[in-house]
Amino acid sequence: MSTRLIEVRGAVKTFALRRGGRRMTALDDVTVFLDRGETLGVVGESGSGKSTLGRAILRLIDLDSGSIRFEGAEIQAITQAEFRPLRAKLQMVFQNPATSFNPILTIEETLIDAMQLTPDLSRAEQRDRARQLLLDVELGDRFLHLYPHEMSGGQLQRAAVARALAPQPAMIFLDEPTAALDMSVRGQVLNMLRALQRKRDTAFMLVSHDLRVIRGAADRVVVMYMGQVVEEASRGALFERPLHPYTRALFSAVSAGPREHLKGEAVAASGPGCRLAGRCAFATGGCRDPQPLTEIEPGRRVRCWRALDLPAFQKEHA
């Protein structure tokens, strides 16, 4: 069996703006892949296209163009009715657990409802499975009969992971899963996710703006800016030697060492050149030319023609 689980190629998605009849490009020729049992970290500022990418893979939105293949089969072009049997295999954990639960259902009822995607279980088997799922996410039997408002944020996020696991998915899209949690709880949730992945061989696509979360959980990392992938590398390679000026600025922002600042704020850029050129301290005239995502070494791609010529990045940033 191939290790490739999901492959996105040339994904484009635009949204109409409320004023002026213009459109905003959320995904701009995005190509990424996810293997079975691995964690792909997707990092970037708000508006970079991270969540849009995940929602497209889950068919919560449709691409304008491009291809999405799951287990070798194209899923972008099929109807929602044809996609419905696949929903059990592609699940999501939302950023804010407090708003993702039905407040009138107990946790047990919520988990059993999620099992309707795999309807071959008896009621007794569903209840046994609900109990086991809560044990897997380090919650006890007493949580089965609690309502969402009776639980803490950390407990509720664990229950959200249990709900995503209920139909035995091949992949879970984790959209900022620790952003709404206290710092002391974030590490516990990440450790739990790693343990569950080893046990079940589930693939994770983990979206975060927090580099500490990405470093603690991801196997590979994709960096996005203004709808484009600007860098892709293994976790070790990226944190040892970030190459794209945007990646370097992200690392610098959480460093106590010398800073590499970007000028101004992220704004939509026109023309074929680098989206970052107007903010980048290293930009030259060549940055107005098209900037393809180029493989510079096996498994490493960068969208910057100057990436290998820039001054060495200070390791204390990482």
Protein backbone atom coordinates (compact mmCIF):
# COMPACT_ATOMS: atom_id res chain seq x y z
CA MET A 1 0.00 0.00 0.00
CA SER A 2 1.27 3.48 -0.87
CA THR A 3 2.22 5.73 2.05
CA ARG A 4 0.70 8.77 0.31
CA LEU A 5 -2.65 9.59 1.90
CA ILE A 6 -3.55 13.05 0.56
CA GLU A 7 -2.13 14.97 -2.37
CA VAL A 8 -3.17 18.50 -3.26
CA ARG A 9 -1.97 19.91 -6.58
CA GLY A 10 -2.40 23.41 -7.99
CA ALA A 11 -5.15 24.38 -5.54
CA VAL A 12 -6.73 27.79 -6.22
CA LYS A 13 -9.51 29.33 -4.14
CA THR A 14 -10.83 32.88 -4.26
CA PHE A 15 -13.56 34.60 -2.26
CA ALA A 16 -15.67 37.58 -3.27
CA LEU A 17 -15.12 40.69 -1.17
CA ARG A 18 -18.15 42.54 0.12
CA ARG A 19 -17.15 45.81 -1.48
CA GLY A 20 -15.95 46.72 -4.93
CA GLY A 21 -16.74 43.44 -6.66
CA ARG A 22 -13.15 42.28 -6.21
CA ARG A 23 -11.99 38.82 -5.17
CA MET A 24 -9.43 37.77 -2.59
CA THR A 25 -7.12 34.86 -3.38
CA ALA A 26 -6.97 32.50 -0.38
CA LEU A 27 -5.07 29.68 -2.13
CA ASP A 28 -2.72 30.39 -5.00
CA ASP A 29 -1.43 27.29 -6.82
CA VAL A 30 -0.89 25.30 -3.60
CA THR A 31 0.68 21.85 -3.85
CA VAL A 32 1.19 19.78 -0.67
CA PHE A 33 0.99 16.14 0.40
CA LEU A 34 0.39 14.16 3.57
CA ASP A 35 1.57 10.61 4.21
CA ARG A 36 -0.12 8.00 6.37
CA GLY A 37 0.65 8.38 10.05
CA GLU A 38 2.63 11.63 9.75
CA THR A 39 1.97 15.13 11.07
CA LEU A 40 2.21 17.97 8.59
CA GLY A 41 2.51 21.35 10.31
CA VAL A 42 1.09 24.34 8.41
CA VAL A 43 2.25 27.69 9.75
CA GLY A 44 1.65 31.31 8.79
CA GLU A 45 -0.08 34.50 9.87
CA SER A 46 -3.86 34.92 9.85
CA GLY A 47 -5.07 35.13 6.28
CA SER A 48 -2.23 33.04 4.86
CA GLY A 49 -4.61 30.30 3.64
CA LYS A 50 -3.93 27.63 6.28
CA SER A 51 -7.52 26.98 7.33
CA THR A 52 -8.81 27.34 3.76
CA LEU A 53 -6.49 24.52 2.70
CA GLY A 54 -7.83 22.20 5.39
CA ARG A 55 -11.44 23.05 4.69
CA ALA A 56 -10.92 22.32 1.00
CA ILE A 57 -9.47 18.90 1.79
CA LEU A 58 -12.51 18.18 3.98
CA ARG A 59 -14.82 19.39 1.17
CA LEU A 60 -16.31 22.07 3.42
CA ILE A 61 -15.52 24.41 0.53
CA ASP A 62 -14.82 23.68 -3.15
CA LEU A 63 -11.71 24.82 -5.01
CA ASP A 64 -11.93 27.09 -8.04
CA SER A 65 -9.36 24.84 -9.69
CA GLY A 66 -6.82 22.19 -8.78
CA SER A 67 -6.81 18.59 -7.65
CA ILE A 68 -7.24 16.85 -4.29
CA ARG A 69 -6.58 13.11 -4.15
CA PHE A 70 -7.35 10.92 -1.13
CA GLU A 71 -5.89 7.40 -1.12
CA GLY A 72 -5.15 7.86 -4.83
CA ALA A 73 -8.70 8.85 -5.85
CA GLU A 74 -9.74 12.34 -6.93
CA ILE A 75 -12.21 13.87 -4.44
CA GLN A 76 -12.34 17.49 -5.58
CA ALA A 77 -14.47 16.71 -8.62
CA ILE A 78 -16.99 14.35 -7.00
CA THR A 79 -20.40 15.43 -5.67
CA GLN A 80 -21.17 15.89 -1.98
CA ALA A 81 -23.31 12.74 -2.12
CA GLU A 82 -20.37 10.77 -3.53
CA PHE A 83 -18.05 12.25 -0.89
CA ARG A 84 -20.35 11.43 2.06
CA PRO A 85 -18.98 7.88 2.62
CA LEU A 86 -15.49 9.39 2.97
CA ARG A 87 -16.43 11.79 5.79
CA ALA A 88 -15.67 9.12 8.37
CA LYS A 89 -12.07 9.03 7.13
CA LEU A 90 -11.48 12.80 7.15
CA GLN A 91 -12.23 14.53 10.45
CA MET A 92 -11.56 17.92 12.05
CA VAL A 93 -10.84 19.38 15.49
CA PHE A 94 -11.83 23.03 15.72
CA GLN A 95 -9.92 25.86 17.38
CA ASN A 96 -12.46 26.71 20.07
CA PRO A 97 -13.93 23.57 21.67
CA ALA A 98 -16.59 25.54 23.55
CA THR A 99 -18.34 26.49 20.29
CA SER A 100 -17.98 23.15 18.49
CA PHE A 101 -20.25 21.04 20.72
CA ASN A 102 -24.04 20.80 20.79
CA PRO A 103 -24.83 22.13 24.30
CA ILE A 104 -27.89 19.89 24.76
CA LEU A 105 -26.01 16.62 24.21
CA THR A 106 -23.88 14.85 26.80
CA ILE A 107 -20.36 13.86 25.80
CA GLU A 108 -21.50 10.25 25.43
CA GLU A 109 -24.34 11.29 23.12
CA THR A 110 -21.92 13.44 21.11
CA LEU A 111 -19.50 10.54 20.64
CA ILE A 112 -22.26 8.12 19.70
CA ASP A 113 -23.61 10.66 17.20
CA ALA A 114 -20.16 10.81 15.58
CA MET A 115 -20.23 7.02 15.23
CA GLN A 116 -23.21 7.22 12.90
CA LEU A 117 -20.62 7.60 10.13
CA THR A 118 -19.70 3.95 10.88
CA PRO A 119 -23.17 2.42 11.44
CA ASP A 120 -22.05 -1.20 11.93
CA LEU A 121 -21.97 -0.97 15.75
CA SER A 122 -24.77 -1.98 18.11
CA ARG A 123 -25.91 0.46 20.79
CA ALA A 124 -23.99 -1.44 23.45
CA GLU A 125 -20.86 -1.44 21.29
CA GLN A 126 -21.24 2.30 20.72
CA ARG A 127 -21.38 2.94 24.47
CA ASP A 128 -18.35 0.73 25.07
CA ARG A 129 -16.47 2.53 22.32
CA ALA A 130 -17.43 5.95 23.74
CA ARG A 131 -16.02 4.91 27.12
CA GLN A 132 -12.79 3.66 25.52
CA LEU A 133 -12.40 6.85 23.47
CA LEU A 134 -12.54 8.95 26.63
CA LEU A 135 -9.92 6.71 28.23
CA ASP A 136 -7.75 7.13 25.12
CA VAL A 137 -7.84 10.93 25.53
CA GLU A 138 -7.14 10.62 29.25
CA LEU A 139 -10.66 11.35 30.50
CA GLY A 140 -12.60 9.01 32.79
CA ASP A 141 -16.07 7.46 32.79
CA ARG A 142 -17.58 10.37 34.70
CA PHE A 143 -17.22 12.61 31.65
CA LEU A 144 -19.64 10.46 29.63
CA HIS A 145 -22.64 12.03 31.30
CA LEU A 146 -21.39 15.61 31.52
CA TYR A 147 -22.56 18.43 29.26
CA PRO A 148 -20.01 20.66 27.49
CA HIS A 149 -20.56 23.61 29.85
CA GLU A 150 -19.59 21.40 32.80
CA MET A 151 -16.05 20.86 31.48
CA SER A 152 -12.89 22.97 31.30
CA GLY A 153 -11.40 24.08 27.98
CA GLY A 154 -8.66 21.46 28.15
CA GLN A 155 -11.11 18.68 28.99
CA LEU A 156 -13.42 19.77 26.19
CA GLN A 157 -10.61 19.81 23.65
CA ARG A 158 -9.73 16.24 24.65
CA ALA A 159 -13.37 15.32 24.12
CA ALA A 160 -13.21 17.02 20.71
CA VAL A 161 -10.27 14.79 19.78
CA ALA A 162 -12.25 11.74 20.98
CA ARG A 163 -15.17 12.83 18.78
CA ALA A 164 -12.87 13.13 15.75
CA LEU A 165 -11.47 9.66 16.46
CA ALA A 166 -14.92 8.08 16.87
CA PRO A 167 -15.42 7.11 13.18
CA GLN A 168 -11.82 5.79 12.97
CA PRO A 169 -10.47 8.35 10.49
CA ALA A 170 -7.32 8.15 8.40
CA MET A 171 -6.67 11.90 8.82
CA ILE A 172 -7.61 14.62 11.30
CA PHE A 173 -7.31 18.30 10.44
CA LEU A 174 -6.35 20.16 13.63
CA ASP A 175 -7.17 23.87 13.27
CA GLU A 176 -5.20 25.73 15.98
CA PRO A 177 -6.14 23.00 18.49
CA THR A 178 -4.27 24.58 21.43
CA ALA A 179 -4.90 28.27 20.74
CA ALA A 180 -7.82 28.54 23.17
CA LEU A 181 -6.03 26.63 25.95
CA ASP A 182 -3.90 27.79 28.85
CA MET A 183 -0.16 27.42 28.32
CA SER A 184 0.03 24.74 31.01
CA VAL A 185 -2.53 22.59 29.16
CA ARG A 186 -1.11 22.93 25.63
CA GLY A 187 1.81 20.58 26.20
CA GLN A 188 -0.48 17.95 27.71
CA VAL A 189 -2.78 18.02 24.69
CA LEU A 190 0.16 17.80 22.25
CA ASN A 191 1.63 14.84 24.15
CA MET A 192 -1.75 13.13 24.05
CA LEU A 193 -2.01 13.67 20.28
CA ARG A 194 1.43 12.16 19.70
CA ALA A 195 0.54 9.11 21.82
CA LEU A 196 -2.74 8.62 19.94
CA GLN A 197 -0.98 8.91 16.59
CA ARG A 198 1.53 6.20 17.51
CA LYS A 199 -1.31 3.95 18.64
CA ARG A 200 -3.63 4.47 15.66
CA ASP A 201 -1.33 5.54 12.80
CA THR A 202 -3.63 8.50 12.12
CA ALA A 203 -2.29 11.33 9.97
CA PHE A 204 -2.61 14.88 11.29
CA MET A 205 -2.62 18.16 9.42
CA LEU A 206 -1.82 20.64 12.19
CA VAL A 207 -2.46 24.33 11.55
CA SER A 208 -0.89 26.82 13.95
CA HIS A 209 0.63 30.27 14.09
CA ASP A 210 2.66 29.12 17.13
CA LEU A 211 6.10 27.82 16.13
CA ARG A 212 6.47 26.08 19.49
CA VAL A 213 3.43 23.94 18.74
CA ILE A 214 4.75 23.11 15.26
CA ARG A 215 8.19 22.25 16.59
CA GLY A 216 6.73 19.99 19.26
CA ALA A 217 4.38 18.04 17.00
CA ALA A 218 5.16 18.21 13.25
CA ASP A 219 7.22 15.81 11.13
CA ARG A 220 7.25 18.15 8.13
CA VAL A 221 6.36 21.84 7.90
CA VAL A 222 4.72 23.96 5.21
CA VAL A 223 5.02 27.75 5.58
CA MET A 224 2.28 29.82 3.89
CA TYR A 225 2.11 33.51 3.06
CA MET A 226 -0.72 35.27 1.22
CA GLY A 227 -2.17 32.02 -0.10
CA GLN A 228 1.13 30.56 -1.33
CA VAL A 229 3.47 27.92 0.04
CA VAL A 230 6.77 29.79 0.45
CA GLU A 231 8.79 27.04 2.15
CA GLU A 232 8.50 23.33 2.84
CA ALA A 233 10.96 21.18 4.76
CA SER A 234 11.32 18.57 7.44
CA ARG A 235 10.89 19.94 10.95
CA GLY A 236 14.58 19.48 11.71
CA ALA A 237 15.78 21.20 8.54
CA LEU A 238 13.40 24.13 8.91
CA PHE A 239 14.22 24.85 12.53
CA GLU A 240 17.94 24.39 11.95
CA ARG A 241 18.09 26.62 8.85
CA PRO A 242 15.00 28.58 7.77
CA LEU A 243 15.61 29.91 4.27
CA HIS A 244 12.72 32.04 3.03
CA PRO A 245 12.74 35.64 4.36
CA TYR A 246 9.18 35.20 5.62
CA THR A 247 10.09 32.03 7.55
CA ARG A 248 13.12 33.82 8.98
CA ALA A 249 10.90 36.70 10.12
CA LEU A 250 8.47 34.30 11.82
CA PHE A 251 11.35 32.70 13.74
CA SER A 252 12.81 36.10 14.57
CA ALA A 253 9.51 37.30 16.04
CA VAL A 254 9.73 34.75 18.86
CA SER A 255 13.46 35.17 19.44
CA ALA A 256 15.39 37.08 22.06
CA GLY A 257 18.21 37.59 19.58
CA PRO A 258 18.68 40.03 16.67
CA ARG A 259 15.48 40.64 14.74
CA GLU A 260 14.73 40.37 11.04
CA HIS A 261 11.74 42.64 10.59
CA LEU A 262 9.25 42.80 7.75
CA LYS A 263 8.19 46.26 6.63
CA GLY A 264 4.55 47.29 6.95
CA GLU A 265 1.62 44.88 6.96
CA ALA A 266 0.55 42.03 4.70
CA VAL A 267 -1.40 43.40 1.74
CA ALA A 268 -2.55 41.75 -1.46
CA ALA A 269 0.14 42.15 -4.12
CA SER A 270 -0.48 42.34 -7.83
CA GLY A 271 1.76 41.08 -10.60
CA PRO A 272 3.75 37.88 -11.01
CA GLY A 273 6.53 38.67 -8.53
CA CYS A 274 7.12 37.69 -4.91
CA ARG A 275 4.17 38.44 -2.61
CA LEU A 276 6.63 39.48 0.12
CA ALA A 277 8.81 41.79 -1.98
CA GLY A 278 7.29 45.02 -0.67
CA ARG A 279 8.02 44.03 2.93
CA CYS A 280 11.32 42.17 2.51
CA ALA A 281 14.67 43.72 3.48
CA PHE A 282 16.45 41.43 1.00
CA ALA A 283 14.29 42.27 -2.05
CA THR A 284 15.95 43.29 -5.34
CA GLY A 285 14.74 43.95 -8.85
CA GLY A 286 14.68 40.23 -9.61
CA CYS A 287 11.93 39.75 -7.03
CA ARG A 288 9.47 41.33 -9.47
CA ASP A 289 9.84 38.24 -11.68
CA PRO A 290 7.76 35.07 -11.13
CA GLN A 291 8.92 33.16 -8.07
CA PRO A 292 8.32 29.41 -8.50
CA LEU A 293 8.40 27.02 -5.56
CA THR A 294 11.74 25.33 -6.26
CA GLU A 295 13.17 22.12 -4.80
CA ILE A 296 16.67 23.03 -3.66
CA GLU A 297 17.42 19.69 -2.01
CA PRO A 298 15.43 16.47 -1.56
CA GLY A 299 12.27 17.20 0.39
CA ARG A 300 12.94 20.93 0.62
CA ARG A 301 11.22 23.61 -1.47
CA VAL A 302 11.56 27.40 -1.29
CA ARG A 303 9.82 30.21 -3.20
CA CYS A 304 12.71 32.69 -3.24
CA TRP A 305 15.46 32.96 -5.86
CA ARG A 306 17.82 34.52 -3.28
CA ALA A 307 17.23 31.98 -0.50
CA LEU A 308 20.66 30.36 -0.71
CA ASP A 309 22.46 33.71 -1.06
CA LEU A 310 21.11 35.42 2.06
CA PRO A 311 23.28 35.98 5.14
CA ALA A 312 23.43 33.01 7.52
CA PHE A 313 20.46 32.93 9.86
CA GLN A 314 21.34 33.26 13.54
CA LYS A 315 20.60 29.90 15.19
CA GLU A 316 19.53 31.53 18.45
CA HIS A 317 16.40 32.63 16.56
CA ALA A 318 15.28 29.02 16.29
